[in-house]
């Protein structure tokens, strides 16, 4: 059912994409990519789990974060290679759109798999919407904002920086999956972590507005 839902959700967005321009088109394009990334990751993770005979814990903590964070952030790496270092902090928003698109499709998979209904389904959707969905957006946004901060660095150092940003996203994602899915005591912390990361990224994105640069007036 994941492929059917993907087609039903993404095809109308492609028509909307034709009418949009500039930043709006880029944001929607990354959102559509996030939906696509969810489908790609779903099949890749499933294949790797079968090949490695991985259990639930290994899949959630080791395989899924590595695959998902790479596929979600793939357009960011392509942009960097195509345009070099000519980019702005808009990358944070684009990256977050990719993560949210991914979360939309993943939420559908989980809700349809568990066959939830009634109040339970609504509560489950709300909790995932403000926790796991935000986590997916923030993980990709960390990579996007990190790429923006590399402005001024030599191109020779970019591969190491990109690998470092990707590793940070994978580690946080893996710890989140471990805490929320396989430990009782860590679930409360895991619920608050995505919201904390979102606030920190929001502050970083608006830092020029929050702390405007002070200019000295000449006498």
C-alpha atoms as a PDB file:
ATOM      1  CA  UNK A   1       0.000   0.000   0.000  1.00  0.00           C
ATOM      2  CA  UNK A   2       2.948   2.365   0.429  1.00  0.00           C
ATOM      3  CA  UNK A   3       3.446   2.788  -3.311  1.00  0.00           C
ATOM      4  CA  UNK A   4      -0.251   3.415  -3.899  1.00  0.00           C
ATOM      5  CA  UNK A   5      -0.399   6.071  -1.185  1.00  0.00           C
ATOM      6  CA  UNK A   6       2.774   7.675  -2.504  1.00  0.00           C
ATOM      7  CA  UNK A   7       1.285   8.013  -5.982  1.00  0.00           C
ATOM      8  CA  UNK A   8      -2.008   9.342  -4.619  1.00  0.00           C
ATOM      9  CA  UNK A   9      -0.214  11.929  -2.487  1.00  0.00           C
ATOM     10  CA  UNK A  10       2.578  13.010  -4.830  1.00  0.00           C
ATOM     11  CA  UNK A  11       0.948  13.187  -8.259  1.00  0.00           C
ATOM     12  CA  UNK A  12      -1.373  16.127  -7.403  1.00  0.00           C
ATOM     13  CA  UNK A  13       1.621  17.933  -5.896  1.00  0.00           C
ATOM     14  CA  UNK A  14       3.471  17.657  -9.199  1.00  0.00           C
ATOM     15  CA  UNK A  15       0.601  19.530 -10.877  1.00  0.00           C
ATOM     16  CA  UNK A  16       0.762  22.207  -8.169  1.00  0.00           C
ATOM     17  CA  UNK A  17       4.513  22.439  -8.698  1.00  0.00           C
ATOM     18  CA  UNK A  18       3.906  23.733 -12.233  1.00  0.00           C
ATOM     19  CA  UNK A  19       2.173  26.864 -10.904  1.00  0.00           C
ATOM     20  CA  UNK A  20       4.704  27.708  -8.206  1.00  0.00           C
ATOM     21  CA  UNK A  21       7.858  29.744  -8.608  1.00  0.00           C
ATOM     22  CA  UNK A  22      11.028  30.495  -6.699  1.00  0.00           C
ATOM     23  CA  UNK A  23      11.201  29.487  -3.068  1.00  0.00           C
ATOM     24  CA  UNK A  24       7.693  28.031  -3.016  1.00  0.00           C
ATOM     25  CA  UNK A  25       8.571  25.647  -5.850  1.00  0.00           C
ATOM     26  CA  UNK A  26      11.801  24.583  -4.134  1.00  0.00           C
ATOM     27  CA  UNK A  27      10.047  23.860  -0.836  1.00  0.00           C
ATOM     28  CA  UNK A  28       7.328  21.788  -2.499  1.00  0.00           C
ATOM     29  CA  UNK A  29       9.924  19.959  -4.609  1.00  0.00           C
ATOM     30  CA  UNK A  30      11.798  18.950  -1.461  1.00  0.00           C
ATOM     31  CA  UNK A  31       8.539  17.896   0.186  1.00  0.00           C
ATOM     32  CA  UNK A  32       7.810  15.642  -2.793  1.00  0.00           C
ATOM     33  CA  UNK A  33      11.325  14.268  -2.587  1.00  0.00           C
ATOM     34  CA  UNK A  34      10.699  13.441   1.071  1.00  0.00           C
ATOM     35  CA  UNK A  35       7.691  11.368   0.033  1.00  0.00           C
ATOM     36  CA  UNK A  36       9.857   9.662  -2.583  1.00  0.00           C
ATOM     37  CA  UNK A  37      12.644   9.089  -0.052  1.00  0.00           C
ATOM     38  CA  UNK A  38      10.207   7.265   2.220  1.00  0.00           C
ATOM     39  CA  UNK A  39       9.326   4.806  -0.542  1.00  0.00           C
ATOM     40  CA  UNK A  40      12.958   4.251  -1.525  1.00  0.00           C
ATOM     41  CA  UNK A  41      14.021   3.797   2.109  1.00  0.00           C
ATOM     42  CA  UNK A  42      11.161   1.407   2.795  1.00  0.00           C
ATOM     43  CA  UNK A  43      12.256  -1.024   0.092  1.00  0.00           C
ATOM     44  CA  UNK A  44      15.992  -0.647   0.741  1.00  0.00           C
ATOM     45  CA  UNK A  45      15.599  -1.233   4.494  1.00  0.00           C
ATOM     46  CA  UNK A  46      13.322  -4.202   3.876  1.00  0.00           C
ATOM     47  CA  UNK A  47      15.864  -5.735   1.485  1.00  0.00           C
ATOM     48  CA  UNK A  48      18.789  -5.144   3.847  1.00  0.00           C
ATOM     49  CA  UNK A  49      16.864  -6.567   6.802  1.00  0.00           C
ATOM     50  CA  UNK A  50      16.143  -9.765   4.874  1.00  0.00           C
ATOM     51  CA  UNK A  51      19.711 -10.030   3.567  1.00  0.00           C
ATOM     52  CA  UNK A  52      21.279  -9.499   6.982  1.00  0.00           C
ATOM     53  CA  UNK A  53      18.561 -11.424   8.833  1.00  0.00           C
ATOM     54  CA  UNK A  54      18.299  -8.402  11.091  1.00  0.00           C
ATOM     55  CA  UNK A  55      15.918  -8.288  14.024  1.00  0.00           C
ATOM     56  CA  UNK A  56      13.751  -5.324  14.973  1.00  0.00           C
ATOM     57  CA  UNK A  57      16.329  -3.646  17.206  1.00  0.00           C
ATOM     58  CA  UNK A  58      19.139  -3.929  14.649  1.00  0.00           C
ATOM     59  CA  UNK A  59      16.888  -2.598  11.895  1.00  0.00           C
ATOM     60  CA  UNK A  60      15.591   0.341  13.947  1.00  0.00           C
ATOM     61  CA  UNK A  61      18.934   1.363  15.424  1.00  0.00           C
ATOM     62  CA  UNK A  62      21.488   0.475  12.744  1.00  0.00           C
ATOM     63  CA  UNK A  63      19.927   0.069   9.315  1.00  0.00           C
ATOM     64  CA  UNK A  64      17.017   2.528   9.231  1.00  0.00           C
ATOM     65  CA  UNK A  65      18.883   5.669  10.426  1.00  0.00           C
ATOM     66  CA  UNK A  66      21.774   5.103   8.002  1.00  0.00           C
ATOM     67  CA  UNK A  67      19.507   4.583   4.988  1.00  0.00           C
ATOM     68  CA  UNK A  68      16.842   7.156   5.806  1.00  0.00           C
ATOM     69  CA  UNK A  69      19.155  10.071   6.611  1.00  0.00           C
ATOM     70  CA  UNK A  70      21.186   9.501   3.455  1.00  0.00           C
ATOM     71  CA  UNK A  71      18.176   9.296   1.132  1.00  0.00           C
ATOM     72  CA  UNK A  72      16.393  12.267   2.733  1.00  0.00           C
ATOM     73  CA  UNK A  73      19.482  14.480   2.403  1.00  0.00           C
ATOM     74  CA  UNK A  74      20.500  13.308  -1.068  1.00  0.00           C
ATOM     75  CA  UNK A  75      19.194  16.452  -2.874  1.00  0.00           C
ATOM     76  CA  UNK A  76      21.292  18.608  -0.534  1.00  0.00           C
ATOM     77  CA  UNK A  77      24.439  16.782  -1.571  1.00  0.00           C
ATOM     78  CA  UNK A  78      23.443  17.140  -5.233  1.00  0.00           C
ATOM     79  CA  UNK A  79      22.877  20.898  -4.816  1.00  0.00           C
ATOM     80  CA  UNK A  80      26.264  21.282  -3.199  1.00  0.00           C
ATOM     81  CA  UNK A  81      27.996  19.462  -6.037  1.00  0.00           C
ATOM     82  CA  UNK A  82      26.022  21.327  -8.710  1.00  0.00           C
ATOM     83  CA  UNK A  83      26.210  24.871  -7.344  1.00  0.00           C
ATOM     84  CA  UNK A  84      29.260  24.754  -5.108  1.00  0.00           C
ATOM     85  CA  UNK A  85      28.970  27.064  -2.123  1.00  0.00           C
ATOM     86  CA  UNK A  86      26.401  29.453  -3.567  1.00  0.00           C
ATOM     87  CA  UNK A  87      23.562  28.733  -1.174  1.00  0.00           C
ATOM     88  CA  UNK A  88      21.723  30.379   1.712  1.00  0.00           C
ATOM     89  CA  UNK A  89      20.170  29.376   5.005  1.00  0.00           C
ATOM     90  CA  UNK A  90      17.087  28.447   2.966  1.00  0.00           C
ATOM     91  CA  UNK A  91      18.728  25.022   2.872  1.00  0.00           C
ATOM     92  CA  UNK A  92      17.476  24.478   6.428  1.00  0.00           C
ATOM     93  CA  UNK A  93      13.865  24.982   5.295  1.00  0.00           C
ATOM     94  CA  UNK A  94      14.307  22.830   2.189  1.00  0.00           C
ATOM     95  CA  UNK A  95      15.933  20.066   4.208  1.00  0.00           C
ATOM     96  CA  UNK A  96      13.165  20.188   6.803  1.00  0.00           C
ATOM     97  CA  UNK A  97      10.563  19.965   4.019  1.00  0.00           C
ATOM     98  CA  UNK A  98      12.239  16.770   2.811  1.00  0.00           C
ATOM     99  CA  UNK A  99      12.133  15.332   6.323  1.00  0.00           C
ATOM    100  CA  UNK A 100       8.481  16.238   6.781  1.00  0.00           C
ATOM    101  CA  UNK A 101       7.566  14.717   3.421  1.00  0.00           C
ATOM    102  CA  UNK A 102       9.277  11.524   4.526  1.00  0.00           C
ATOM    103  CA  UNK A 103       7.367  11.565   7.827  1.00  0.00           C
ATOM    104  CA  UNK A 104       3.989  11.986   6.100  1.00  0.00           C
ATOM    105  CA  UNK A 105       4.398   8.737   4.208  1.00  0.00           C
ATOM    106  CA  UNK A 106       5.972   6.894   7.143  1.00  0.00           C
ATOM    107  CA  UNK A 107       3.071   7.909   9.388  1.00  0.00           C
ATOM    108  CA  UNK A 108       0.632   6.435   6.910  1.00  0.00           C
ATOM    109  CA  UNK A 109       2.578   3.157   6.886  1.00  0.00           C
ATOM    110  CA  UNK A 110       2.559   2.881  10.668  1.00  0.00           C
ATOM    111  CA  UNK A 111      -1.096   3.837  11.097  1.00  0.00           C
ATOM    112  CA  UNK A 112      -2.285   1.497   8.336  1.00  0.00           C
ATOM    113  CA  UNK A 113      -0.055  -1.337   9.614  1.00  0.00           C
ATOM    114  CA  UNK A 114      -1.416  -1.163  13.140  1.00  0.00           C
ATOM    115  CA  UNK A 115      -4.984  -0.853  11.798  1.00  0.00           C
ATOM    116  CA  UNK A 116      -5.804   1.760  14.392  1.00  0.00           C
ATOM    117  CA  UNK A 117      -9.238   3.315  14.561  1.00  0.00           C
ATOM    118  CA  UNK A 118     -11.274   5.798  16.555  1.00  0.00           C
ATOM    119  CA  UNK A 119      -9.752   7.923  19.313  1.00  0.00           C
ATOM    120  CA  UNK A 120      -6.684   5.695  19.494  1.00  0.00           C
ATOM    121  CA  UNK A 121      -5.782   6.429  15.884  1.00  0.00           C
ATOM    122  CA  UNK A 122      -6.219  10.171  16.382  1.00  0.00           C
ATOM    123  CA  UNK A 123      -4.075  10.180  19.528  1.00  0.00           C
ATOM    124  CA  UNK A 124      -1.393   8.080  17.850  1.00  0.00           C
ATOM    125  CA  UNK A 125      -1.324  10.402  14.819  1.00  0.00           C
ATOM    126  CA  UNK A 126      -1.023  13.496  17.017  1.00  0.00           C
ATOM    127  CA  UNK A 127       1.829  12.015  19.063  1.00  0.00           C
ATOM    128  CA  UNK A 128       3.735  10.948  15.951  1.00  0.00           C
ATOM    129  CA  UNK A 129       3.062  14.332  14.366  1.00  0.00           C
ATOM    130  CA  UNK A 130       4.790  16.249  17.161  1.00  0.00           C
ATOM    131  CA  UNK A 131       7.548  13.742  17.892  1.00  0.00           C
ATOM    132  CA  UNK A 132       8.781  11.374  15.184  1.00  0.00           C
ATOM    133  CA  UNK A 133       7.682  13.641  12.332  1.00  0.00           C
ATOM    134  CA  UNK A 134       9.484  16.620  13.848  1.00  0.00           C
ATOM    135  CA  UNK A 135      12.523  14.407  14.461  1.00  0.00           C
ATOM    136  CA  UNK A 136      12.695  13.489  10.757  1.00  0.00           C
ATOM    137  CA  UNK A 137      12.470  17.142   9.761  1.00  0.00           C
ATOM    138  CA  UNK A 138      15.116  18.226  12.267  1.00  0.00           C
ATOM    139  CA  UNK A 139      17.615  15.519  11.331  1.00  0.00           C
ATOM    140  CA  UNK A 140      17.631  16.586   7.691  1.00  0.00           C
ATOM    141  CA  UNK A 141      17.581  20.262   8.704  1.00  0.00           C
ATOM    142  CA  UNK A 142      20.761  19.754  10.744  1.00  0.00           C
ATOM    143  CA  UNK A 143      22.516  18.618   7.567  1.00  0.00           C
ATOM    144  CA  UNK A 144      21.024  21.476   5.530  1.00  0.00           C
ATOM    145  CA  UNK A 145      21.939  24.186   8.019  1.00  0.00           C
ATOM    146  CA  UNK A 146      25.363  22.646   8.501  1.00  0.00           C
ATOM    147  CA  UNK A 147      25.997  22.902   4.745  1.00  0.00           C
ATOM    148  CA  UNK A 148      25.019  26.579   4.904  1.00  0.00           C
ATOM    149  CA  UNK A 149      27.533  27.135   7.698  1.00  0.00           C
ATOM    150  CA  UNK A 150      30.330  25.658   5.575  1.00  0.00           C
ATOM    151  CA  UNK A 151      30.393  28.835   3.476  1.00  0.00           C
ATOM    152  CA  UNK A 152      33.985  29.996   3.360  1.00  0.00           C
ATOM    153  CA  UNK A 153      35.492  26.565   3.982  1.00  0.00           C
ATOM    154  CA  UNK A 154      37.779  25.100   1.333  1.00  0.00           C
ATOM    155  CA  UNK A 155      36.192  22.603  -1.044  1.00  0.00           C
ATOM    156  CA  UNK A 156      38.781  20.070   0.026  1.00  0.00           C
ATOM    157  CA  UNK A 157      37.285  20.001   3.522  1.00  0.00           C
ATOM    158  CA  UNK A 158      33.652  19.637   2.393  1.00  0.00           C
ATOM    159  CA  UNK A 159      33.561  15.806   2.174  1.00  0.00           C
ATOM    160  CA  UNK A 160      34.709  15.517   5.792  1.00  0.00           C
ATOM    161  CA  UNK A 161      32.212  18.145   6.931  1.00  0.00           C
ATOM    162  CA  UNK A 162      29.340  16.491   5.065  1.00  0.00           C
ATOM    163  CA  UNK A 163      30.224  13.101   6.485  1.00  0.00           C
ATOM    164  CA  UNK A 164      30.346  14.622   9.968  1.00  0.00           C
ATOM    165  CA  UNK A 165      26.913  16.245   9.594  1.00  0.00           C
ATOM    166  CA  UNK A 166      25.456  13.026   8.212  1.00  0.00           C
ATOM    167  CA  UNK A 167      26.984  11.048  11.096  1.00  0.00           C
ATOM    168  CA  UNK A 168      25.485  13.420  13.671  1.00  0.00           C
ATOM    169  CA  UNK A 169      22.017  13.011  12.115  1.00  0.00           C
ATOM    170  CA  UNK A 170      22.367   9.207  12.018  1.00  0.00           C
ATOM    171  CA  UNK A 171      23.522   8.967  15.644  1.00  0.00           C
ATOM    172  CA  UNK A 172      20.718  11.173  16.986  1.00  0.00           C
ATOM    173  CA  UNK A 173      18.176   9.269  14.878  1.00  0.00           C
ATOM    174  CA  UNK A 174      19.485   5.916  16.118  1.00  0.00           C
ATOM    175  CA  UNK A 175      19.411   7.033  19.768  1.00  0.00           C
ATOM    176  CA  UNK A 176      15.876   8.331  19.303  1.00  0.00           C
ATOM    177  CA  UNK A 177      14.698   5.021  17.810  1.00  0.00           C
ATOM    178  CA  UNK A 178      16.386   3.101  20.608  1.00  0.00           C
ATOM    179  CA  UNK A 179      14.833   5.215  23.349  1.00  0.00           C
ATOM    180  CA  UNK A 180      11.330   5.523  21.973  1.00  0.00           C
ATOM    181  CA  UNK A 181      10.965   1.962  20.738  1.00  0.00           C
ATOM    182  CA  UNK A 182      13.015  -0.228  23.018  1.00  0.00           C
ATOM    183  CA  UNK A 183      13.310   1.424  26.453  1.00  0.00           C
ATOM    184  CA  UNK A 184      10.585   2.419  28.870  1.00  0.00           C
ATOM    185  CA  UNK A 185      12.479   5.115  30.775  1.00  0.00           C
ATOM    186  CA  UNK A 186      13.786   6.833  27.647  1.00  0.00           C
ATOM    187  CA  UNK A 187      10.433   7.494  26.016  1.00  0.00           C
ATOM    188  CA  UNK A 188       9.725  10.733  27.874  1.00  0.00           C
ATOM    189  CA  UNK A 189      13.135  12.092  26.932  1.00  0.00           C
ATOM    190  CA  UNK A 190      12.677  10.934  23.351  1.00  0.00           C
ATOM    191  CA  UNK A 191       9.326  12.735  23.123  1.00  0.00           C
ATOM    192  CA  UNK A 192      10.898  16.045  24.191  1.00  0.00           C
ATOM    193  CA  UNK A 193      14.051  15.736  22.056  1.00  0.00           C
ATOM    194  CA  UNK A 194      12.506  16.542  18.642  1.00  0.00           C
ATOM    195  CA  UNK A 195      10.738  19.624  19.992  1.00  0.00           C
ATOM    196  CA  UNK A 196      13.958  20.824  21.628  1.00  0.00           C
ATOM    197  CA  UNK A 197      15.874  20.368  18.374  1.00  0.00           C
ATOM    198  CA  UNK A 198      13.142  22.209  16.480  1.00  0.00           C
ATOM    199  CA  UNK A 199      13.363  25.208  18.830  1.00  0.00           C
ATOM    200  CA  UNK A 200      17.165  25.286  18.566  1.00  0.00           C
ATOM    201  CA  UNK A 201      17.005  25.172  14.771  1.00  0.00           C
ATOM    202  CA  UNK A 202      14.360  27.907  14.761  1.00  0.00           C
ATOM    203  CA  UNK A 203      16.617  30.112  16.883  1.00  0.00           C
ATOM    204  CA  UNK A 204      19.593  29.384  14.618  1.00  0.00           C
ATOM    205  CA  UNK A 205      17.558  30.192  11.516  1.00  0.00           C
ATOM    206  CA  UNK A 206      16.370  33.519  12.961  1.00  0.00           C
ATOM    207  CA  UNK A 207      19.557  34.430  14.806  1.00  0.00           C
ATOM    208  CA  UNK A 208      20.093  37.576  12.724  1.00  0.00           C
ATOM    209  CA  UNK A 209      16.639  38.807  13.739  1.00  0.00           C
ATOM    210  CA  UNK A 210      17.049  37.824  17.379  1.00  0.00           C
ATOM    211  CA  UNK A 211      20.576  39.164  17.732  1.00  0.00           C
ATOM    212  CA  UNK A 212      21.005  41.839  15.050  1.00  0.00           C
ATOM    213  CA  UNK A 213      24.544  42.902  14.334  1.00  0.00           C
ATOM    214  CA  UNK A 214      25.458  46.043  16.170  1.00  0.00           C
ATOM    215  CA  UNK A 215      26.937  48.788  14.066  1.00  0.00           C
ATOM    216  CA  UNK A 216      28.993  51.575  15.490  1.00  0.00           C
ATOM    217  CA  UNK A 217      28.136  55.061  14.433  1.00  0.00           C
ATOM    218  CA  UNK A 218      31.071  57.118  13.298  1.00  0.00           C
ATOM    219  CA  UNK A 219      31.604  60.443  15.039  1.00  0.00           C
END
